Amino acid sequence: MLSPVIISHHHRFIFAAVPKTGTHSVRQALREHLGDDDVEQVGLFVNKRFPWHDLAAIQHGHLSLRQVRPYLGDDAFAAYFKFAFVRNPFARFVSYCAFMLRDSDAFQRAPREVMHHFLFVAPPQDHILFKPQASLLVDDDGNTLLTDMVGRVEDMQGSYDRICARLGFPSQPLGHVNGSRHGDYRHYYDDALIAGVAARYAQDLDLFGYSFEDAR
């Protein structure tokens, strides 16, 4: 599964696609504004690759900003408007578990058992959808965000409207694409799961200001 990183030379922006944050609906909206020289790496619904061999060979489009920067050069990277969307890590982990078992009813039948399995028994450390959101957006020091703006899934439309205003083109209503089936994330947790997600995604919680009882 590939989800997009978009580099627009025409509008001078980089959209970094963080998994499980509504990236497909944003990509569909952004593509209407892309010029002939703009590039993206995506393989779900549309199959496109970057013109750089090393990046094109990676089997997903969830590339970090650190990976993209050398191919643009420091000056262009600094000048381009860089943005992404993030999501409450507790909600995102529920979505991850439901998505990974979307071809069966295992998550619907025993969601906490599934969550315990992914978090404690066999955590898929190298799976791109399981990694912290910050890992795609921070500099080499691991703490400094490279983004100029970070939208939030909890205010998807409002965030996208502000991004479009910054880029200077009209916004539009976002659709809902490639979602997973689950209810309010709070209903799926026990104390051990809360502590486990808080530990694994501590940097996301700190950098983006989320908590378990986040009401945004």
C-alpha atoms as a PDB file:
ATOM      1  CA  MET A   1       0.000   0.000   0.000  1.00  0.00           C
ATOM      2  CA  LEU A   2       1.335   3.395  -0.990  1.00  0.00           C
ATOM      3  CA  SER A   3       0.101   6.700   0.272  1.00  0.00           C
ATOM      4  CA  PRO A   4       1.290   9.994  -1.080  1.00  0.00           C
ATOM      5  CA  VAL A   5       4.121  12.351  -0.629  1.00  0.00           C
ATOM      6  CA  ILE A   6       3.488  15.260  -2.988  1.00  0.00           C
ATOM      7  CA  ILE A   7       6.087  17.784  -4.082  1.00  0.00           C
ATOM      8  CA  SER A   8       4.680  20.750  -5.979  1.00  0.00           C
ATOM      9  CA  HIS A   9       7.292  22.905  -7.662  1.00  0.00           C
ATOM     10  CA  HIS A  10       4.503  25.053  -9.087  1.00  0.00           C
ATOM     11  CA  HIS A  11       3.034  25.933  -5.681  1.00  0.00           C
ATOM     12  CA  ARG A  12       6.292  25.315  -3.770  1.00  0.00           C
ATOM     13  CA  PHE A  13       4.973  22.883  -1.179  1.00  0.00           C
ATOM     14  CA  ILE A  14       5.702  19.419   0.193  1.00  0.00           C
ATOM     15  CA  PHE A  15       2.876  17.329   1.612  1.00  0.00           C
ATOM     16  CA  ALA A  16       4.192  14.564   3.872  1.00  0.00           C
ATOM     17  CA  ALA A  17       1.657  11.759   4.189  1.00  0.00           C
ATOM     18  CA  VAL A  18       1.492  10.337   7.712  1.00  0.00           C
ATOM     19  CA  PRO A  19      -0.282   6.938   7.675  1.00  0.00           C
ATOM     20  CA  LYS A  20      -3.831   6.713   9.065  1.00  0.00           C
ATOM     21  CA  THR A  21      -4.427  10.466   9.061  1.00  0.00           C
ATOM     22  CA  GLY A  22      -6.810  10.916   6.136  1.00  0.00           C
ATOM     23  CA  THR A  23      -3.995  11.353   3.635  1.00  0.00           C
ATOM     24  CA  HIS A  24      -5.933   9.918   0.701  1.00  0.00           C
ATOM     25  CA  SER A  25      -8.705  12.509   0.853  1.00  0.00           C
ATOM     26  CA  VAL A  26      -6.150  15.326   1.126  1.00  0.00           C
ATOM     27  CA  ARG A  27      -4.157  13.941  -1.787  1.00  0.00           C
ATOM     28  CA  GLN A  28      -7.241  13.747  -3.974  1.00  0.00           C
ATOM     29  CA  ALA A  29      -8.028  17.387  -3.250  1.00  0.00           C
ATOM     30  CA  LEU A  30      -4.452  18.564  -3.767  1.00  0.00           C
ATOM     31  CA  ARG A  31      -4.027  16.740  -7.071  1.00  0.00           C
ATOM     32  CA  GLU A  32      -6.469  19.115  -8.746  1.00  0.00           C
ATOM     33  CA  HIS A  33      -3.921  21.914  -8.234  1.00  0.00           C
ATOM     34  CA  LEU A  34      -0.812  20.078  -9.427  1.00  0.00           C
ATOM     35  CA  GLY A  35       1.128  21.161 -12.503  1.00  0.00           C
ATOM     36  CA  ASP A  36       2.923  19.048 -15.092  1.00  0.00           C
ATOM     37  CA  ASP A  37       6.254  19.293 -13.283  1.00  0.00           C
ATOM     38  CA  ASP A  38       4.881  18.369  -9.861  1.00  0.00           C
ATOM     39  CA  VAL A  39       5.613  14.869  -8.543  1.00  0.00           C
ATOM     40  CA  GLU A  40       4.119  12.401  -6.108  1.00  0.00           C
ATOM     41  CA  GLN A  41       4.710   8.879  -4.886  1.00  0.00           C
ATOM     42  CA  VAL A  42       1.481   6.971  -4.483  1.00  0.00           C
ATOM     43  CA  GLY A  43       0.157   3.507  -5.273  1.00  0.00           C
ATOM     44  CA  LEU A  44      -3.355   3.285  -3.881  1.00  0.00           C
ATOM     45  CA  PHE A  45      -6.038   4.194  -6.465  1.00  0.00           C
ATOM     46  CA  VAL A  46      -3.287   5.903  -8.520  1.00  0.00           C
ATOM     47  CA  ASN A  47       0.172   4.492  -9.270  1.00  0.00           C
ATOM     48  CA  LYS A  48       2.938   7.100  -9.476  1.00  0.00           C
ATOM     49  CA  ARG A  49       6.589   7.230  -8.438  1.00  0.00           C
ATOM     50  CA  PHE A  50       9.137   9.937  -7.785  1.00  0.00           C
ATOM     51  CA  PRO A  51      11.713  10.550 -10.536  1.00  0.00           C
ATOM     52  CA  TRP A  52      14.540   9.618  -8.143  1.00  0.00           C
ATOM     53  CA  HIS A  53      15.406   5.925  -8.360  1.00  0.00           C
ATOM     54  CA  ASP A  54      16.270   5.373  -4.686  1.00  0.00           C
ATOM     55  CA  LEU A  55      12.965   6.806  -3.494  1.00  0.00           C
ATOM     56  CA  ALA A  56      10.915   5.234  -6.283  1.00  0.00           C
ATOM     57  CA  ALA A  57      12.220   1.824  -5.229  1.00  0.00           C
ATOM     58  CA  ILE A  58      10.723   2.174  -1.733  1.00  0.00           C
ATOM     59  CA  GLN A  59       7.483   0.210  -1.610  1.00  0.00           C
ATOM     60  CA  HIS A  60       5.365   2.867   0.058  1.00  0.00           C
ATOM     61  CA  GLY A  61       4.756   6.591  -0.226  1.00  0.00           C
ATOM     62  CA  HIS A  62       4.991   7.382   3.468  1.00  0.00           C
ATOM     63  CA  LEU A  63       8.433   8.921   3.126  1.00  0.00           C
ATOM     64  CA  SER A  64       9.939  11.092   5.809  1.00  0.00           C
ATOM     65  CA  LEU A  65      10.850  14.692   5.159  1.00  0.00           C
ATOM     66  CA  ARG A  66      14.450  13.734   5.960  1.00  0.00           C
ATOM     67  CA  GLN A  67      14.391  11.257   3.072  1.00  0.00           C
ATOM     68  CA  VAL A  68      13.043  13.820   0.612  1.00  0.00           C
ATOM     69  CA  ARG A  69      15.280  16.760   1.567  1.00  0.00           C
ATOM     70  CA  PRO A  70      18.528  15.610  -0.162  1.00  0.00           C
ATOM     71  CA  TYR A  71      16.744  15.235  -3.500  1.00  0.00           C
ATOM     72  CA  LEU A  72      15.441  18.792  -3.434  1.00  0.00           C
ATOM     73  CA  GLY A  73      18.534  20.402  -1.990  1.00  0.00           C
ATOM     74  CA  ASP A  74      18.705  22.413   1.209  1.00  0.00           C
ATOM     75  CA  ASP A  75      17.704  25.743  -0.359  1.00  0.00           C
ATOM     76  CA  ALA A  76      14.563  24.471  -2.067  1.00  0.00           C
ATOM     77  CA  PHE A  77      13.624  22.345   0.933  1.00  0.00           C
ATOM     78  CA  ALA A  78      13.876  25.356   3.227  1.00  0.00           C
ATOM     79  CA  ALA A  79      11.864  27.542   0.840  1.00  0.00           C
ATOM     80  CA  TYR A  80       9.009  25.094   0.191  1.00  0.00           C
ATOM     81  CA  PHE A  81       5.966  25.097   2.499  1.00  0.00           C
ATOM     82  CA  LYS A  82       5.960  21.739   4.275  1.00  0.00           C
ATOM     83  CA  PHE A  83       2.837  20.350   5.921  1.00  0.00           C
ATOM     84  CA  ALA A  84       1.290  17.150   7.201  1.00  0.00           C
ATOM     85  CA  PHE A  85      -1.669  15.915   9.227  1.00  0.00           C
ATOM     86  CA  VAL A  86      -1.480  14.175  12.591  1.00  0.00           C
ATOM     87  CA  ARG A  87      -3.971  12.325  14.756  1.00  0.00           C
ATOM     88  CA  ASN A  88      -4.464  11.481  18.400  1.00  0.00           C
ATOM     89  CA  PRO A  89      -2.151   8.453  18.862  1.00  0.00           C
ATOM     90  CA  PHE A  90      -4.782   6.599  20.883  1.00  0.00           C
ATOM     91  CA  ALA A  91      -7.343   6.943  18.087  1.00  0.00           C
ATOM     92  CA  ARG A  92      -4.719   6.193  15.454  1.00  0.00           C
ATOM     93  CA  PHE A  93      -3.689   2.931  17.122  1.00  0.00           C
ATOM     94  CA  VAL A  94      -7.301   1.720  17.146  1.00  0.00           C
ATOM     95  CA  SER A  95      -7.556   2.628  13.474  1.00  0.00           C
ATOM     96  CA  TYR A  96      -4.311   0.791  12.766  1.00  0.00           C
ATOM     97  CA  CYS A  97      -5.531  -2.409  14.403  1.00  0.00           C
ATOM     98  CA  ALA A  98      -8.895  -2.283  12.624  1.00  0.00           C
ATOM     99  CA  PHE A  99      -7.214  -1.564   9.293  1.00  0.00           C
ATOM    100  CA  MET A 100      -4.703  -4.402   9.576  1.00  0.00           C
ATOM    101  CA  LEU A 101      -7.530  -6.912  10.137  1.00  0.00           C
ATOM    102  CA  ARG A 102      -9.969  -5.321   7.700  1.00  0.00           C
ATOM    103  CA  ASP A 103     -10.390  -8.573   5.746  1.00  0.00           C
ATOM    104  CA  SER A 104     -11.798 -10.436   8.752  1.00  0.00           C
ATOM    105  CA  ASP A 105     -14.059  -9.780  11.731  1.00  0.00           C
ATOM    106  CA  ALA A 106     -11.278 -10.449  14.273  1.00  0.00           C
ATOM    107  CA  PHE A 107     -11.063  -6.852  15.446  1.00  0.00           C
ATOM    108  CA  GLN A 108     -14.832  -6.492  15.747  1.00  0.00           C
ATOM    109  CA  ARG A 109     -15.024  -9.728  17.779  1.00  0.00           C
ATOM    110  CA  ALA A 110     -12.111  -9.115  20.160  1.00  0.00           C
ATOM    111  CA  PRO A 111     -10.664  -5.613  19.780  1.00  0.00           C
ATOM    112  CA  ARG A 112      -8.710  -5.501  23.045  1.00  0.00           C
ATOM    113  CA  GLU A 113      -7.098  -8.864  22.385  1.00  0.00           C
ATOM    114  CA  VAL A 114      -6.018  -7.616  18.963  1.00  0.00           C
ATOM    115  CA  MET A 115      -4.657  -4.382  20.425  1.00  0.00           C
ATOM    116  CA  HIS A 116      -2.750  -6.250  23.140  1.00  0.00           C
ATOM    117  CA  HIS A 117      -1.268  -8.513  20.486  1.00  0.00           C
ATOM    118  CA  PHE A 118       0.010  -5.682  18.298  1.00  0.00           C
ATOM    119  CA  LEU A 119       1.222  -3.599  21.229  1.00  0.00           C
ATOM    120  CA  PHE A 120       2.757  -6.173  23.578  1.00  0.00           C
ATOM    121  CA  VAL A 121       2.990  -9.649  22.024  1.00  0.00           C
ATOM    122  CA  ALA A 122       4.200  -9.083  18.472  1.00  0.00           C
ATOM    123  CA  PRO A 123       4.668  -5.361  17.812  1.00  0.00           C
ATOM    124  CA  PRO A 124       5.424  -4.843  14.107  1.00  0.00           C
ATOM    125  CA  GLN A 125       8.351  -2.527  14.765  1.00  0.00           C
ATOM    126  CA  ASP A 126       9.265  -1.919  11.135  1.00  0.00           C
ATOM    127  CA  HIS A 127       5.764  -1.564   9.726  1.00  0.00           C
ATOM    128  CA  ILE A 128       5.408   1.996   8.457  1.00  0.00           C
ATOM    129  CA  LEU A 129       1.830   2.321   9.714  1.00  0.00           C
ATOM    130  CA  PHE A 130       2.939   1.318  13.225  1.00  0.00           C
ATOM    131  CA  LYS A 131       5.734   3.865  13.542  1.00  0.00           C
ATOM    132  CA  PRO A 132       5.243   7.137  15.487  1.00  0.00           C
ATOM    133  CA  GLN A 133       3.942  10.012  13.398  1.00  0.00           C
ATOM    134  CA  ALA A 134       6.832  12.215  14.463  1.00  0.00           C
ATOM    135  CA  SER A 135       9.324   9.831  12.859  1.00  0.00           C
ATOM    136  CA  LEU A 136       8.264  11.110   9.419  1.00  0.00           C
ATOM    137  CA  LEU A 137       8.334  14.778  10.330  1.00  0.00           C
ATOM    138  CA  VAL A 138      11.366  15.455  12.526  1.00  0.00           C
ATOM    139  CA  ASP A 139      14.938  16.402  11.683  1.00  0.00           C
ATOM    140  CA  ASP A 140      17.966  14.169  12.272  1.00  0.00           C
ATOM    141  CA  ASP A 141      18.013  15.195  15.930  1.00  0.00           C
ATOM    142  CA  GLY A 142      14.700  13.377  16.381  1.00  0.00           C
ATOM    143  CA  ASN A 143      13.027  16.323  18.105  1.00  0.00           C
ATOM    144  CA  THR A 144      12.801  19.299  15.713  1.00  0.00           C
ATOM    145  CA  LEU A 145       9.785  19.355  13.417  1.00  0.00           C
ATOM    146  CA  LEU A 146      10.604  20.086   9.784  1.00  0.00           C
ATOM    147  CA  THR A 147       7.020  21.045   8.978  1.00  0.00           C
ATOM    148  CA  ASP A 148       5.782  24.618   8.648  1.00  0.00           C
ATOM    149  CA  MET A 149       2.209  23.633   9.522  1.00  0.00           C
ATOM    150  CA  VAL A 150       0.638  20.523  11.030  1.00  0.00           C
ATOM    151  CA  GLY A 151      -3.072  19.929  10.481  1.00  0.00           C
ATOM    152  CA  ARG A 152      -5.166  17.709  12.722  1.00  0.00           C
ATOM    153  CA  VAL A 153      -7.524  14.920  11.784  1.00  0.00           C
ATOM    154  CA  GLU A 154      -9.812  16.120  14.567  1.00  0.00           C
ATOM    155  CA  ASP A 155     -10.242  19.382  12.612  1.00  0.00           C
ATOM    156  CA  MET A 156      -9.574  18.011   9.146  1.00  0.00           C
ATOM    157  CA  GLN A 157     -11.597  20.464   7.112  1.00  0.00           C
ATOM    158  CA  GLY A 158     -10.570  23.507   9.140  1.00  0.00           C
ATOM    159  CA  SER A 159      -6.910  22.494   8.926  1.00  0.00           C
ATOM    160  CA  TYR A 160      -7.139  21.941   5.185  1.00  0.00           C
ATOM    161  CA  ASP A 161      -8.851  25.312   4.732  1.00  0.00           C
ATOM    162  CA  ARG A 162      -5.951  27.027   6.536  1.00  0.00           C
ATOM    163  CA  ILE A 163      -3.388  25.141   4.471  1.00  0.00           C
ATOM    164  CA  CYS A 164      -5.117  26.177   1.243  1.00  0.00           C
ATOM    165  CA  ALA A 165      -5.231  29.792   2.426  1.00  0.00           C
ATOM    166  CA  ARG A 166      -1.486  29.624   3.069  1.00  0.00           C
ATOM    167  CA  LEU A 167      -0.889  28.143  -0.399  1.00  0.00           C
ATOM    168  CA  GLY A 168      -3.142  30.672  -2.081  1.00  0.00           C
ATOM    169  CA  PHE A 169      -5.690  28.438  -3.757  1.00  0.00           C
ATOM    170  CA  PRO A 170      -9.333  27.699  -2.925  1.00  0.00           C
ATOM    171  CA  SER A 171     -10.258  24.943  -0.508  1.00  0.00           C
ATOM    172  CA  GLN A 172     -12.956  22.329  -1.092  1.00  0.00           C
ATOM    173  CA  PRO A 173     -14.876  19.826   1.039  1.00  0.00           C
ATOM    174  CA  LEU A 174     -12.779  16.763   1.772  1.00  0.00           C
ATOM    175  CA  GLY A 175     -14.182  13.306   1.184  1.00  0.00           C
ATOM    176  CA  HIS A 176     -13.665  10.208   3.316  1.00  0.00           C
ATOM    177  CA  VAL A 177     -11.456   7.627   1.632  1.00  0.00           C
ATOM    178  CA  ASN A 178     -10.017   4.279   2.771  1.00  0.00           C
ATOM    179  CA  GLY A 179     -11.333   4.483   6.331  1.00  0.00           C
ATOM    180  CA  SER A 180     -11.446   1.582   8.786  1.00  0.00           C
ATOM    181  CA  ARG A 181     -14.496   0.405  10.731  1.00  0.00           C
ATOM    182  CA  HIS A 182     -14.477   1.182  14.448  1.00  0.00           C
ATOM    183  CA  GLY A 183     -16.191   3.339  17.061  1.00  0.00           C
ATOM    184  CA  ASP A 184     -14.973   5.947  19.552  1.00  0.00           C
ATOM    185  CA  TYR A 185     -11.391   4.992  20.392  1.00  0.00           C
ATOM    186  CA  ARG A 186     -11.914   5.469  24.143  1.00  0.00           C
ATOM    187  CA  HIS A 187     -14.225   2.439  24.286  1.00  0.00           C
ATOM    188  CA  TYR A 188     -11.468   0.043  23.264  1.00  0.00           C
ATOM    189  CA  TYR A 189      -8.933   0.748  25.995  1.00  0.00           C
ATOM    190  CA  ASP A 190      -8.049  -0.732  29.355  1.00  0.00           C
ATOM    191  CA  ASP A 191      -5.407   0.671  31.701  1.00  0.00           C
ATOM    192  CA  ALA A 192      -2.605  -1.474  30.276  1.00  0.00           C
ATOM    193  CA  LEU A 193      -3.362  -0.373  26.719  1.00  0.00           C
ATOM    194  CA  ILE A 194      -3.488   3.296  27.722  1.00  0.00           C
ATOM    195  CA  ALA A 195      -0.088   2.999  29.386  1.00  0.00           C
ATOM    196  CA  GLY A 196       1.348   1.017  26.487  1.00  0.00           C
ATOM    197  CA  VAL A 197       0.268   3.455  23.788  1.00  0.00           C
ATOM    198  CA  ALA A 198       1.374   6.408  25.928  1.00  0.00           C
ATOM    199  CA  ALA A 199       4.850   4.876  26.214  1.00  0.00           C
ATOM    200  CA  ARG A 200       5.241   3.842  22.582  1.00  0.00           C
ATOM    201  CA  TYR A 201       3.940   7.125  21.167  1.00  0.00           C
ATOM    202  CA  ALA A 202       5.261   9.460  23.865  1.00  0.00           C
ATOM    203  CA  GLN A 203       6.944  11.739  21.329  1.00  0.00           C
ATOM    204  CA  ASP A 204       3.712  12.155  19.341  1.00  0.00           C
ATOM    205  CA  LEU A 205       1.806  13.001  22.504  1.00  0.00           C
ATOM    206  CA  ASP A 206       4.431  15.542  23.518  1.00  0.00           C
ATOM    207  CA  LEU A 207       5.088  17.192  20.144  1.00  0.00           C
ATOM    208  CA  PHE A 208       1.460  17.448  19.082  1.00  0.00           C
ATOM    209  CA  GLY A 209      -0.147  18.017  22.474  1.00  0.00           C
ATOM    210  CA  TYR A 210      -2.481  15.045  22.604  1.00  0.00           C
ATOM    211  CA  SER A 211      -3.781  13.061  25.562  1.00  0.00           C
ATOM    212  CA  PHE A 212      -6.097  10.074  26.014  1.00  0.00           C
ATOM    213  CA  GLU A 213      -9.041  12.311  26.964  1.00  0.00           C
ATOM    214  CA  ASP A 214      -8.506  14.685  24.073  1.00  0.00           C
ATOM    215  CA  ALA A 215     -11.765  16.420  23.151  1.00  0.00           C
ATOM    216  CA  ARG A 216     -10.718  18.199  19.971  1.00  0.00           C
END
